[in-house]
Amino acid sequence: MPATAPLVTGFVLNGTTTGSDFVVSAWIPEDYQNDAPRPFDDQDIDVSHFGRETYFVANWTSTFPASAGTIVKKANELADSLDRNKEKYKGKSAWFMSYSPTLASKYYEVAFLKKEKKEN
């Protein structure tokens, strides 16, 4: 299986960040999803399946790697915008995606999962 993109990182917005606040994931290309590689005996690694969901997303580009501070700042800015617009979202956790289309530029996204109407 070729290297995958994007890398997806889930993190808790609690004002600080530590190693235990992050979950790092890799997208498995569709051609491999029915027979995805499985971890050997590492209890910290799991293959998860997600259905269709709606996310609110903010994006930016940079020639530099995104720091943890920048990622949290962008997530907080997105949360503030969603709050101003009275959007319902699951705000305790955010997702961060990174793409590198070229060596000179990087594309980043932060996202919150939309709270469906039935979830109050």
PDB file of N, CA and C in Angstrom:
ATOM      1  N   MET A   1       0.848  -1.163   0.000  1.00  0.00           N
ATOM      2  CA  MET A   1       0.000   0.000   0.000  1.00  0.00           C
ATOM      3  C   MET A   1       0.903   1.239   0.000  1.00  0.00           C
ATOM      4  N   PRO A   2       0.624   2.216  -0.860  1.00  0.00           N
ATOM      5  CA  PRO A   2       1.447   3.431  -0.905  1.00  0.00           C
ATOM      6  C   PRO A   2       1.233   4.299   0.335  1.00  0.00           C
ATOM      7  N   ALA A   3       2.127   5.243   0.532  1.00  0.00           N
ATOM      8  CA  ALA A   3       1.971   6.199   1.633  1.00  0.00           C
ATOM      9  C   ALA A   3       0.643   6.907   1.485  1.00  0.00           C
ATOM     10  N   THR A   4       0.039   7.250   2.588  1.00  0.00           N
ATOM     11  CA  THR A   4      -1.303   7.832   2.544  1.00  0.00           C
ATOM     12  C   THR A   4      -1.291   9.306   2.909  1.00  0.00           C
ATOM     13  N   ALA A   5      -2.277   9.991   2.398  1.00  0.00           N
ATOM     14  CA  ALA A   5      -2.490  11.391   2.751  1.00  0.00           C
ATOM     15  C   ALA A   5      -3.986  11.605   2.751  1.00  0.00           C
ATOM     16  N   PRO A   6      -4.568  12.360   3.577  1.00  0.00           N
ATOM     17  CA  PRO A   6      -3.868  13.156   4.584  1.00  0.00           C
ATOM     18  C   PRO A   6      -3.607  12.356   5.847  1.00  0.00           C
ATOM     19  N   LEU A   7      -2.721  12.868   6.669  1.00  0.00           N
ATOM     20  CA  LEU A   7      -2.636  12.403   8.044  1.00  0.00           C
ATOM     21  C   LEU A   7      -3.694  13.180   8.802  1.00  0.00           C
ATOM     22  N   VAL A   8      -4.423  12.512   9.647  1.00  0.00           N
ATOM     23  CA  VAL A   8      -5.508  13.139  10.394  1.00  0.00           C
ATOM     24  C   VAL A   8      -5.177  13.006  11.877  1.00  0.00           C
ATOM     25  N   THR A   9      -5.227  14.118  12.590  1.00  0.00           N
ATOM     26  CA  THR A   9      -4.938  14.112  14.016  1.00  0.00           C
ATOM     27  C   THR A   9      -6.142  14.655  14.763  1.00  0.00           C
ATOM     28  N   GLY A  10      -6.630  13.880  15.711  1.00  0.00           N
ATOM     29  CA  GLY A  10      -7.702  14.354  16.580  1.00  0.00           C
ATOM     30  C   GLY A  10      -7.084  14.875  17.860  1.00  0.00           C
ATOM     31  N   PHE A  11      -7.598  15.985  18.389  1.00  0.00           N
ATOM     32  CA  PHE A  11      -7.043  16.515  19.626  1.00  0.00           C
ATOM     33  C   PHE A  11      -8.125  17.170  20.464  1.00  0.00           C
ATOM     34  N   VAL A  12      -7.894  17.220  21.753  1.00  0.00           N
ATOM     35  CA  VAL A  12      -8.824  17.805  22.709  1.00  0.00           C
ATOM     36  C   VAL A  12      -8.459  19.269  22.891  1.00  0.00           C
ATOM     37  N   LEU A  13      -9.443  20.145  22.788  1.00  0.00           N
ATOM     38  CA  LEU A  13      -9.219  21.577  23.035  1.00  0.00           C
ATOM     39  C   LEU A  13      -9.435  21.847  24.512  1.00  0.00           C
ATOM     40  N   ASN A  14      -8.338  21.918  25.251  1.00  0.00           N
ATOM     41  CA  ASN A  14      -8.455  22.154  26.687  1.00  0.00           C
ATOM     42  C   ASN A  14      -7.492  23.237  27.158  1.00  0.00           C
ATOM     43  N   GLY A  15      -6.954  24.025  26.248  1.00  0.00           N
ATOM     44  CA  GLY A  15      -6.049  25.097  26.619  1.00  0.00           C
ATOM     45  C   GLY A  15      -4.596  24.681  26.641  1.00  0.00           C
ATOM     46  N   THR A  16      -4.336  23.404  26.819  1.00  0.00           N
ATOM     47  CA  THR A  16      -2.965  22.888  26.788  1.00  0.00           C
ATOM     48  C   THR A  16      -2.955  21.651  25.916  1.00  0.00           C
ATOM     49  N   THR A  17      -1.794  21.225  25.527  1.00  0.00           N
ATOM     50  CA  THR A  17      -1.700  19.996  24.747  1.00  0.00           C
ATOM     51  C   THR A  17      -0.582  19.130  25.320  1.00  0.00           C
ATOM     52  N   THR A  18      -0.848  17.851  25.408  1.00  0.00           N
ATOM     53  CA  THR A  18       0.168  16.890  25.813  1.00  0.00           C
ATOM     54  C   THR A  18       0.081  15.714  24.862  1.00  0.00           C
ATOM     55  N   GLY A  19       1.043  14.836  24.906  1.00  0.00           N
ATOM     56  CA  GLY A  19       1.050  13.681  24.013  1.00  0.00           C
ATOM     57  C   GLY A  19      -0.190  12.825  24.132  1.00  0.00           C
ATOM     58  N   SER A  20      -0.796  12.759  25.315  1.00  0.00           N
ATOM     59  CA  SER A  20      -1.972  11.911  25.498  1.00  0.00           C
ATOM     60  C   SER A  20      -3.244  12.548  24.960  1.00  0.00           C
ATOM     61  N   ASP A  21      -3.178  13.826  24.536  1.00  0.00           N
ATOM     62  CA  ASP A  21      -4.353  14.516  24.020  1.00  0.00           C
ATOM     63  C   ASP A  21      -4.573  14.290  22.529  1.00  0.00           C
ATOM     64  N   PHE A  22      -3.689  13.562  21.869  1.00  0.00           N
ATOM     65  CA  PHE A  22      -3.728  13.427  20.427  1.00  0.00           C
ATOM     66  C   PHE A  22      -4.002  11.991  19.990  1.00  0.00           C
ATOM     67  N   VAL A  23      -4.729  11.854  18.892  1.00  0.00           N
ATOM     68  CA  VAL A  23      -4.907  10.568  18.215  1.00  0.00           C
ATOM     69  C   VAL A  23      -4.509  10.804  16.765  1.00  0.00           C
ATOM     70  N   VAL A  24      -3.519  10.071  16.271  1.00  0.00           N
ATOM     71  CA  VAL A  24      -3.049  10.250  14.898  1.00  0.00           C
ATOM     72  C   VAL A  24      -3.583   9.118  14.046  1.00  0.00           C
ATOM     73  N   SER A  25      -4.115   9.487  12.878  1.00  0.00           N
ATOM     74  CA  SER A  25      -4.706   8.514  11.966  1.00  0.00           C
ATOM     75  C   SER A  25      -4.160   8.725  10.563  1.00  0.00           C
ATOM     76  N   ALA A  26      -4.253   7.714   9.756  1.00  0.00           N
ATOM     77  CA  ALA A  26      -3.910   7.819   8.337  1.00  0.00           C
ATOM     78  C   ALA A  26      -5.095   7.299   7.534  1.00  0.00           C
ATOM     79  N   TRP A  27      -5.410   8.006   6.472  1.00  0.00           N
ATOM     80  CA  TRP A  27      -6.490   7.595   5.579  1.00  0.00           C
ATOM     81  C   TRP A  27      -6.039   6.362   4.807  1.00  0.00           C
ATOM     82  N   ILE A  28      -6.871   5.323   4.783  1.00  0.00           N
ATOM     83  CA  ILE A  28      -6.575   4.126   3.993  1.00  0.00           C
ATOM     84  C   ILE A  28      -7.281   4.285   2.656  1.00  0.00           C
ATOM     85  N   PRO A  29      -6.529   4.282   1.543  1.00  0.00           N
ATOM     86  CA  PRO A  29      -7.152   4.464   0.225  1.00  0.00           C
ATOM     87  C   PRO A  29      -8.268   3.443  -0.021  1.00  0.00           C
ATOM     88  N   GLU A  30      -9.271   3.860  -0.788  1.00  0.00           N
ATOM     89  CA  GLU A  30     -10.442   3.018  -1.021  1.00  0.00           C
ATOM     90  C   GLU A  30     -10.085   1.629  -1.537  1.00  0.00           C
ATOM     91  N   ASP A  31      -9.067   1.526  -2.391  1.00  0.00           N
ATOM     92  CA  ASP A  31      -8.691   0.219  -2.942  1.00  0.00           C
ATOM     93  C   ASP A  31      -8.260  -0.769  -1.866  1.00  0.00           C
ATOM     94  N   TYR A  32      -7.876  -0.284  -0.687  1.00  0.00           N
ATOM     95  CA  TYR A  32      -7.366  -1.143   0.384  1.00  0.00           C
ATOM     96  C   TYR A  32      -8.316  -1.250   1.573  1.00  0.00           C
ATOM     97  N   GLN A  33      -9.445  -0.547   1.540  1.00  0.00           N
ATOM     98  CA  GLN A  33     -10.304  -0.497   2.718  1.00  0.00           C
ATOM     99  C   GLN A  33     -10.977  -1.823   3.046  1.00  0.00           C
ATOM    100  N   ASN A  34     -11.294  -2.633   2.064  1.00  0.00           N
ATOM    101  CA  ASN A  34     -11.933  -3.919   2.344  1.00  0.00           C
ATOM    102  C   ASN A  34     -10.971  -4.935   2.933  1.00  0.00           C
ATOM    103  N   ASP A  35      -9.680  -4.742   2.714  1.00  0.00           N
ATOM    104  CA  ASP A  35      -8.665  -5.650   3.251  1.00  0.00           C
ATOM    105  C   ASP A  35      -7.537  -4.807   3.841  1.00  0.00           C
ATOM    106  N   ALA A  36      -7.912  -3.950   4.787  1.00  0.00           N
ATOM    107  CA  ALA A  36      -6.955  -3.001   5.370  1.00  0.00           C
ATOM    108  C   ALA A  36      -5.893  -3.725   6.178  1.00  0.00           C
ATOM    109  N   PRO A  37      -4.669  -3.194   6.172  1.00  0.00           N
ATOM    110  CA  PRO A  37      -3.634  -3.770   7.034  1.00  0.00           C
ATOM    111  C   PRO A  37      -4.092  -3.714   8.493  1.00  0.00           C
ATOM    112  N   ARG A  38      -3.769  -4.715   9.244  1.00  0.00           N
ATOM    113  CA  ARG A  38      -4.148  -4.785  10.654  1.00  0.00           C
ATOM    114  C   ARG A  38      -2.899  -4.710  11.526  1.00  0.00           C
ATOM    115  N   PRO A  39      -3.011  -4.064  12.676  1.00  0.00           N
ATOM    116  CA  PRO A  39      -1.868  -4.045  13.591  1.00  0.00           C
ATOM    117  C   PRO A  39      -1.608  -5.444  14.133  1.00  0.00           C
ATOM    118  N   PHE A  40      -0.373  -5.702  14.492  1.00  0.00           N
ATOM    119  CA  PHE A  40      -0.022  -7.016  15.021  1.00  0.00           C
ATOM    120  C   PHE A  40      -0.589  -7.175  16.427  1.00  0.00           C
ATOM    121  N   ASP A  41       0.148  -6.830  17.430  1.00  0.00           N
ATOM    122  CA  ASP A  41      -0.340  -7.003  18.797  1.00  0.00           C
ATOM    123  C   ASP A  41      -0.255  -5.719  19.614  1.00  0.00           C
ATOM    124  N   ASP A  42      -0.163  -4.582  18.950  1.00  0.00           N
ATOM    125  CA  ASP A  42      -0.080  -3.301  19.642  1.00  0.00           C
ATOM    126  C   ASP A  42      -1.486  -2.855  20.018  1.00  0.00           C
ATOM    127  N   GLN A  43      -1.766  -2.783  21.314  1.00  0.00           N
ATOM    128  CA  GLN A  43      -3.099  -2.419  21.797  1.00  0.00           C
ATOM    129  C   GLN A  43      -3.437  -0.955  21.544  1.00  0.00           C
ATOM    130  N   ASP A  44      -2.431  -0.131  21.223  1.00  0.00           N
ATOM    131  CA  ASP A  44      -2.674   1.289  20.977  1.00  0.00           C
ATOM    132  C   ASP A  44      -3.019   1.588  19.524  1.00  0.00           C
ATOM    133  N   ILE A  45      -3.002   0.571  18.662  1.00  0.00           N
ATOM    134  CA  ILE A  45      -3.284   0.768  17.238  1.00  0.00           C
ATOM    135  C   ILE A  45      -4.563   0.035  16.888  1.00  0.00           C
ATOM    136  N   ASP A  46      -5.423   0.724  16.141  1.00  0.00           N
ATOM    137  CA  ASP A  46      -6.705   0.148  15.769  1.00  0.00           C
ATOM    138  C   ASP A  46      -7.072   0.620  14.378  1.00  0.00           C
ATOM    139  N   VAL A  47      -7.812  -0.184  13.648  1.00  0.00           N
ATOM    140  CA  VAL A  47      -8.361   0.220  12.361  1.00  0.00           C
ATOM    141  C   VAL A  47      -9.826   0.546  12.605  1.00  0.00           C
ATOM    142  N   SER A  48     -10.205   1.790  12.343  1.00  0.00           N
ATOM    143  CA  SER A  48     -11.573   2.253  12.592  1.00  0.00           C
ATOM    144  C   SER A  48     -12.255   2.576  11.278  1.00  0.00           C
ATOM    145  N   HIS A  49     -13.562   2.429  11.273  1.00  0.00           N
ATOM    146  CA  HIS A  49     -14.368   2.761  10.102  1.00  0.00           C
ATOM    147  C   HIS A  49     -15.328   3.882  10.492  1.00  0.00           C
ATOM    148  N   PHE A  50     -15.415   4.899   9.650  1.00  0.00           N
ATOM    149  CA  PHE A  50     -16.301   6.023   9.892  1.00  0.00           C
ATOM    150  C   PHE A  50     -17.293   6.126   8.752  1.00  0.00           C
ATOM    151  N   GLY A  51     -18.536   6.399   9.102  1.00  0.00           N
ATOM    152  CA  GLY A  51     -19.552   6.628   8.087  1.00  0.00           C
ATOM    153  C   GLY A  51     -19.487   8.063   7.598  1.00  0.00           C
ATOM    154  N   ARG A  52     -20.466   8.432   6.808  1.00  0.00           N
ATOM    155  CA  ARG A  52     -20.532   9.812   6.315  1.00  0.00           C
ATOM    156  C   ARG A  52     -20.917  10.736   7.456  1.00  0.00           C
ATOM    157  N   GLU A  53     -20.171  11.824   7.543  1.00  0.00           N
ATOM    158  CA  GLU A  53     -20.447  12.827   8.556  1.00  0.00           C
ATOM    159  C   GLU A  53     -20.150  14.193   7.961  1.00  0.00           C
ATOM    160  N   THR A  54     -20.713  15.229   8.562  1.00  0.00           N
ATOM    161  CA  THR A  54     -20.498  16.590   8.094  1.00  0.00           C
ATOM    162  C   THR A  54     -19.578  17.311   9.071  1.00  0.00           C
ATOM    163  N   TYR A  55     -18.590  18.018   8.524  1.00  0.00           N
ATOM    164  CA  TYR A  55     -17.627  18.762   9.341  1.00  0.00           C
ATOM    165  C   TYR A  55     -17.627  20.228   8.938  1.00  0.00           C
ATOM    166  N   PHE A  56     -17.361  21.093   9.904  1.00  0.00           N
ATOM    167  CA  PHE A  56     -17.067  22.492   9.639  1.00  0.00           C
ATOM    168  C   PHE A  56     -15.551  22.587   9.551  1.00  0.00           C
ATOM    169  N   VAL A  57     -15.033  23.232   8.490  1.00  0.00           N
ATOM    170  CA  VAL A  57     -13.588  23.207   8.220  1.00  0.00           C
ATOM    171  C   VAL A  57     -13.059  24.612   7.966  1.00  0.00           C
ATOM    172  N   ALA A  58     -11.881  24.885   8.513  1.00  0.00           N
ATOM    173  CA  ALA A  58     -11.109  26.090   8.178  1.00  0.00           C
ATOM    174  C   ALA A  58      -9.770  25.606   7.622  1.00  0.00           C
ATOM    175  N   ASN A  59      -9.253  26.296   6.603  1.00  0.00           N
ATOM    176  CA  ASN A  59      -7.996  25.852   6.006  1.00  0.00           C
ATOM    177  C   ASN A  59      -7.034  27.014   5.833  1.00  0.00           C
ATOM    178  N   TRP A  60      -5.755  26.667   5.689  1.00  0.00           N
ATOM    179  CA  TRP A  60      -4.715  27.653   5.423  1.00  0.00           C
ATOM    180  C   TRP A  60      -3.528  26.960   4.775  1.00  0.00           C
ATOM    181  N   THR A  61      -2.696  27.750   4.134  1.00  0.00           N
ATOM    182  CA  THR A  61      -1.473  27.229   3.528  1.00  0.00           C
ATOM    183  C   THR A  61      -0.271  27.894   4.177  1.00  0.00           C
ATOM    184  N   SER A  62       0.861  27.238   4.090  1.00  0.00           N
ATOM    185  CA  SER A  62       2.086  27.766   4.672  1.00  0.00           C
ATOM    186  C   SER A  62       3.280  27.075   4.031  1.00  0.00           C
ATOM    187  N   THR A  63       4.395  27.744   4.051  1.00  0.00           N
ATOM    188  CA  THR A  63       5.640  27.098   3.612  1.00  0.00           C
ATOM    189  C   THR A  63       6.334  26.442   4.793  1.00  0.00           C
ATOM    190  N   PHE A  64       5.797  26.653   5.998  1.00  0.00           N
ATOM    191  CA  PHE A  64       6.393  26.100   7.209  1.00  0.00           C
ATOM    192  C   PHE A  64       5.476  25.049   7.821  1.00  0.00           C
ATOM    193  N   PRO A  65       6.035  24.082   8.547  1.00  0.00           N
ATOM    194  CA  PRO A  65       5.181  23.124   9.264  1.00  0.00           C
ATOM    195  C   PRO A  65       4.319  23.840  10.292  1.00  0.00           C
ATOM    196  N   ALA A  66       3.107  23.372  10.477  1.00  0.00           N
ATOM    197  CA  ALA A  66       2.196  23.970  11.456  1.00  0.00           C
ATOM    198  C   ALA A  66       2.603  23.546  12.864  1.00  0.00           C
ATOM    199  N   SER A  67       2.732  24.516  13.757  1.00  0.00           N
ATOM    200  CA  SER A  67       3.060  24.218  15.153  1.00  0.00           C
ATOM    201  C   SER A  67       1.782  23.866  15.912  1.00  0.00           C
ATOM    202  N   ALA A  68       1.932  23.232  17.059  1.00  0.00           N
ATOM    203  CA  ALA A  68       0.777  22.906  17.893  1.00  0.00           C
ATOM    204  C   ALA A  68       0.029  24.182  18.266  1.00  0.00           C
ATOM    205  N   GLY A  69       0.773  25.258  18.553  1.00  0.00           N
ATOM    206  CA  GLY A  69       0.131  26.528  18.900  1.00  0.00           C
ATOM    207  C   GLY A  69      -0.716  27.083  17.773  1.00  0.00           C
ATOM    208  N   THR A  70      -0.204  26.998  16.537  1.00  0.00           N
ATOM    209  CA  THR A  70      -0.962  27.483  15.377  1.00  0.00           C
ATOM    210  C   THR A  70      -2.212  26.641  15.169  1.00  0.00           C
ATOM    211  N   ILE A  71      -2.089  25.338  15.310  1.00  0.00           N
ATOM    212  CA  ILE A  71      -3.234  24.443  15.105  1.00  0.00           C
ATOM    213  C   ILE A  71      -4.337  24.754  16.117  1.00  0.00           C
ATOM    214  N   VAL A  72      -3.963  24.890  17.384  1.00  0.00           N
ATOM    215  CA  VAL A  72      -4.956  25.196  18.427  1.00  0.00           C
ATOM    216  C   VAL A  72      -5.562  26.572  18.189  1.00  0.00           C
ATOM    217  N   LYS A  73      -4.748  27.549  17.787  1.00  0.00           N
ATOM    218  CA  LYS A  73      -5.260  28.897  17.497  1.00  0.00           C
ATOM    219  C   LYS A  73      -6.290  28.846  16.369  1.00  0.00           C
ATOM    220  N   LYS A  74      -5.979  28.141  15.293  1.00  0.00           N
ATOM    221  CA  LYS A  74      -6.913  28.031  14.163  1.00  0.00           C
ATOM    222  C   LYS A  74      -8.199  27.323  14.582  1.00  0.00           C
ATOM    223  N   ALA A  75      -8.082  26.284  15.417  1.00  0.00           N
ATOM    224  CA  ALA A  75      -9.268  25.574  15.889  1.00  0.00           C
ATOM    225  C   ALA A  75     -10.130  26.493  16.751  1.00  0.00           C
ATOM    226  N   ASN A  76      -9.494  27.270  17.620  1.00  0.00           N
ATOM    227  CA  ASN A  76     -10.252  28.209  18.456  1.00  0.00           C
ATOM    228  C   ASN A  76     -10.924  29.290  17.615  1.00  0.00           C
ATOM    229  N   GLU A  77     -10.250  29.773  16.568  1.00  0.00           N
ATOM    230  CA  GLU A  77     -10.853  30.763  15.673  1.00  0.00           C
ATOM    231  C   GLU A  77     -12.077  30.179  14.968  1.00  0.00           C
ATOM    232  N   LEU A  78     -11.966  28.929  14.518  1.00  0.00           N
ATOM    233  CA  LEU A  78     -13.106  28.276  13.875  1.00  0.00           C
ATOM    234  C   LEU A  78     -14.249  28.113  14.879  1.00  0.00           C
ATOM    235  N   ALA A  79     -13.941  27.680  16.096  1.00  0.00           N
ATOM    236  CA  ALA A  79     -14.978  27.517  17.122  1.00  0.00           C
ATOM    237  C   ALA A  79     -15.665  28.849  17.410  1.00  0.00           C
ATOM    238  N   ASP A  80     -14.888  29.925  17.508  1.00  0.00           N
ATOM    239  CA  ASP A  80     -15.479  31.249  17.743  1.00  0.00           C
ATOM    240  C   ASP A  80     -16.427  31.638  16.609  1.00  0.00           C
ATOM    241  N   SER A  81     -16.030  31.369  15.374  1.00  0.00           N
ATOM    242  CA  SER A  81     -16.871  31.684  14.217  1.00  0.00           C
ATOM    243  C   SER A  81     -18.163  30.860  14.238  1.00  0.00           C
ATOM    244  N   LEU A  82     -18.047  29.579  14.573  1.00  0.00           N
ATOM    245  CA  LEU A  82     -19.234  28.723  14.643  1.00  0.00           C
ATOM    246  C   LEU A  82     -20.173  29.198  15.746  1.00  0.00           C
ATOM    247  N   ASP A  83     -19.599  29.602  16.885  1.00  0.00           N
ATOM    248  CA  ASP A  83     -20.425  30.103  17.986  1.00  0.00           C
ATOM    249  C   ASP A  83     -21.159  31.377  17.579  1.00  0.00           C
ATOM    250  N   ARG A  84     -20.462  32.299  16.903  1.00  0.00           N
ATOM    251  CA  ARG A  84     -21.100  33.548  16.463  1.00  0.00           C
ATOM    252  C   ARG A  84     -22.260  33.272  15.515  1.00  0.00           C
ATOM    253  N   ASN A  85     -22.114  32.234  14.695  1.00  0.00           N
ATOM    254  CA  ASN A  85     -23.157  31.892  13.721  1.00  0.00           C
ATOM    255  C   ASN A  85     -24.166  30.883  14.266  1.00  0.00           C
ATOM    256  N   LYS A  86     -24.066  30.586  15.557  1.00  0.00           N
ATOM    257  CA  LYS A  86     -24.992  29.685  16.244  1.00  0.00           C
ATOM    258  C   LYS A  86     -25.059  28.294  15.598  1.00  0.00           C
ATOM    259  N   GLU A  87     -23.923  27.843  15.102  1.00  0.00           N
ATOM    260  CA  GLU A  87     -23.843  26.489  14.545  1.00  0.00           C
ATOM    261  C   GLU A  87     -23.651  25.490  15.683  1.00  0.00           C
ATOM    262  N   LYS A  88     -24.225  24.323  15.540  1.00  0.00           N
ATOM    263  CA  LYS A  88     -24.099  23.263  16.537  1.00  0.00           C
ATOM    264  C   LYS A  88     -22.987  22.311  16.096  1.00  0.00           C
ATOM    265  N   TYR A  89     -22.008  22.107  16.968  1.00  0.00           N
ATOM    266  CA  TYR A  89     -20.881  21.228  16.642  1.00  0.00           C
ATOM    267  C   TYR A  89     -20.380  20.562  17.909  1.00  0.00           C
ATOM    268  N   LYS A  90     -19.659  19.482  17.732  1.00  0.00           N
ATOM    269  CA  LYS A  90     -19.066  18.769  18.868  1.00  0.00           C
ATOM    270  C   LYS A  90     -17.735  19.445  19.168  1.00  0.00           C
ATOM    271  N   GLY A  91     -17.733  20.328  20.174  1.00  0.00           N
ATOM    272  CA  GLY A  91     -16.615  21.240  20.369  1.00  0.00           C
ATOM    273  C   GLY A  91     -15.522  20.821  21.312  1.00  0.00           C
ATOM    274  N   LYS A  92     -15.572  19.662  21.921  1.00  0.00           N
ATOM    275  CA  LYS A  92     -14.501  19.271  22.827  1.00  0.00           C
ATOM    276  C   LYS A  92     -13.298  18.721  22.068  1.00  0.00           C
ATOM    277  N   SER A  93     -13.532  18.183  20.907  1.00  0.00           N
ATOM    278  CA  SER A  93     -12.454  17.621  20.105  1.00  0.00           C
ATOM    279  C   SER A  93     -12.463  18.233  18.716  1.00  0.00           C
ATOM    280  N   ALA A  94     -11.281  18.446  18.176  1.00  0.00           N
ATOM    281  CA  ALA A  94     -11.136  18.964  16.817  1.00  0.00           C
ATOM    282  C   ALA A  94     -10.263  17.988  16.040  1.00  0.00           C
ATOM    283  N   TRP A  95     -10.290  18.147  14.739  1.00  0.00           N
ATOM    284  CA  TRP A  95      -9.466  17.317  13.856  1.00  0.00           C
ATOM    285  C   TRP A  95      -8.533  18.223  13.070  1.00  0.00           C
ATOM    286  N   PHE A  96      -7.332  17.749  12.832  1.00  0.00           N
ATOM    287  CA  PHE A  96      -6.333  18.488  12.068  1.00  0.00           C
ATOM    288  C   PHE A  96      -5.856  17.596  10.931  1.00  0.00           C
ATOM    289  N   MET A  97      -5.853  18.133   9.704  1.00  0.00           N
ATOM    290  CA  MET A  97      -5.377  17.397   8.538  1.00  0.00           C
ATOM    291  C   MET A  97      -4.244  18.174   7.879  1.00  0.00           C
ATOM    292  N   SER A  98      -3.259  17.447   7.401  1.00  0.00           N
ATOM    293  CA  SER A  98      -2.153  18.099   6.701  1.00  0.00           C
ATOM    294  C   SER A  98      -1.912  17.404   5.371  1.00  0.00           C
ATOM    295  N   TYR A  99      -1.704  18.210   4.362  1.00  0.00           N
ATOM    296  CA  TYR A  99      -1.424  17.732   3.019  1.00  0.00           C
ATOM    297  C   TYR A  99      -0.178  18.463   2.533  1.00  0.00           C
ATOM    298  N   SER A 100       0.628  17.816   1.749  1.00  0.00           N
ATOM    299  CA  SER A 100       1.812  18.475   1.177  1.00  0.00           C
ATOM    300  C   SER A 100       1.813  18.270  -0.332  1.00  0.00           C
ATOM    301  N   PRO A 101       1.060  19.110  -1.065  1.00  0.00           N
ATOM    302  CA  PRO A 101       0.986  18.925  -2.517  1.00  0.00           C
ATOM    303  C   PRO A 101       2.331  19.139  -3.212  1.00  0.00           C
ATOM    304  N   THR A 102       3.164  20.001  -2.664  1.00  0.00           N
ATOM    305  CA  THR A 102       4.500  20.218  -3.226  1.00  0.00           C
ATOM    306  C   THR A 102       5.483  20.362  -2.071  1.00  0.00           C
ATOM    307  N   LEU A 103       6.753  20.320  -2.381  1.00  0.00           N
ATOM    308  CA  LEU A 103       7.758  20.513  -1.336  1.00  0.00           C
ATOM    309  C   LEU A 103       7.739  21.935  -0.793  1.00  0.00           C
ATOM    310  N   ALA A 104       7.271  22.893  -1.607  1.00  0.00           N
ATOM    311  CA  ALA A 104       7.318  24.295  -1.221  1.00  0.00           C
ATOM    312  C   ALA A 104       6.087  24.756  -0.449  1.00  0.00           C
ATOM    313  N   SER A 105       4.977  24.026  -0.516  1.00  0.00           N
ATOM    314  CA  SER A 105       3.784  24.496   0.180  1.00  0.00           C
ATOM    315  C   SER A 105       3.118  23.353   0.929  1.00  0.00           C
ATOM    316  N   LYS A 106       2.445  23.722   1.986  1.00  0.00           N
ATOM    317  CA  LYS A 106       1.690  22.762   2.775  1.00  0.00           C
ATOM    318  C   LYS A 106       0.275  23.309   2.936  1.00  0.00           C
ATOM    319  N   TYR A 107      -0.688  22.420   2.950  1.00  0.00           N
ATOM    320  CA  TYR A 107      -2.095  22.777   3.072  1.00  0.00           C
ATOM    321  C   TYR A 107      -2.612  22.135   4.352  1.00  0.00           C
ATOM    322  N   TYR A 108      -3.265  22.930   5.195  1.00  0.00           N
ATOM    323  CA  TYR A 108      -3.735  22.447   6.486  1.00  0.00           C
ATOM    324  C   TYR A 108      -5.221  22.720   6.649  1.00  0.00           C
ATOM    325  N   GLU A 109      -5.875  21.871   7.443  1.00  0.00           N
ATOM    326  CA  GLU A 109      -7.276  22.068   7.792  1.00  0.00           C
ATOM    327  C   GLU A 109      -7.484  21.731   9.271  1.00  0.00           C
ATOM    328  N   VAL A 110      -8.360  22.469   9.913  1.00  0.00           N
ATOM    329  CA  VAL A 110      -8.892  22.082  11.216  1.00  0.00           C
ATOM    330  C   VAL A 110     -10.388  21.921  11.034  1.00  0.00           C
ATOM    331  N   ALA A 111     -10.986  21.007  11.793  1.00  0.00           N
ATOM    332  CA  ALA A 111     -12.398  20.707  11.590  1.00  0.00           C
ATOM    333  C   ALA A 111     -13.078  20.313  12.893  1.00  0.00           C
ATOM    334  N   PHE A 112     -14.361  20.622  12.951  1.00  0.00           N
ATOM    335  CA  PHE A 112     -15.228  20.152  14.027  1.00  0.00           C
ATOM    336  C   PHE A 112     -16.359  19.366  13.401  1.00  0.00           C
ATOM    337  N   LEU A 113     -16.749  18.291  14.052  1.00  0.00           N
ATOM    338  CA  LEU A 113     -17.870  17.484  13.600  1.00  0.00           C
ATOM    339  C   LEU A 113     -19.173  18.227  13.882  1.00  0.00           C
ATOM    340  N   LYS A 114     -20.021  18.328  12.866  1.00  0.00           N
ATOM    341  CA  LYS A 114     -21.321  18.977  13.022  1.00  0.00           C
ATOM    342  C   LYS A 114     -22.202  18.118  13.913  1.00  0.00           C
ATOM    343  N   LYS A 115     -22.877  18.768  14.857  1.00  0.00           N
ATOM    344  CA  LYS A 115     -23.810  18.073  15.718  1.00  0.00           C
ATOM    345  C   LYS A 115     -25.136  17.999  14.982  1.00  0.00           C
ATOM    346  N   GLU A 116     -25.625  16.812  14.781  1.00  0.00           N
ATOM    347  CA  GLU A 116     -26.884  16.638  14.072  1.00  0.00           C
ATOM    348  C   GLU A 116     -28.048  17.073  14.956  1.00  0.00           C
ATOM    349  N   LYS A 117     -29.132  17.499  14.363  1.00  0.00           N
ATOM    350  CA  LYS A 117     -30.282  18.034  15.104  1.00  0.00           C
ATOM    351  C   LYS A 117     -30.798  17.078  16.151  1.00  0.00           C
ATOM    352  N   LYS A 118     -30.779  15.790  15.897  1.00  0.00           N
ATOM    353  CA  LYS A 118     -31.315  14.822  16.847  1.00  0.00           C
ATOM    354  C   LYS A 118     -30.426  14.623  18.068  1.00  0.00           C
ATOM    355  N   GLU A 119     -29.192  15.194  18.055  1.00  0.00           N
ATOM    356  CA  GLU A 119     -28.243  14.990  19.146  1.00  0.00           C
ATOM    357  C   GLU A 119     -28.349  16.006  20.268  1.00  0.00           C
ATOM    358  N   ASN A 120     -29.125  17.060  20.120  1.00  0.00           N
ATOM    359  CA  ASN A 120     -29.252  18.136  21.111  1.00  0.00           C
ATOM    360  C   ASN A 120     -27.921  18.509  21.606  1.00  0.00           C
TER     361      ASN A 120
END
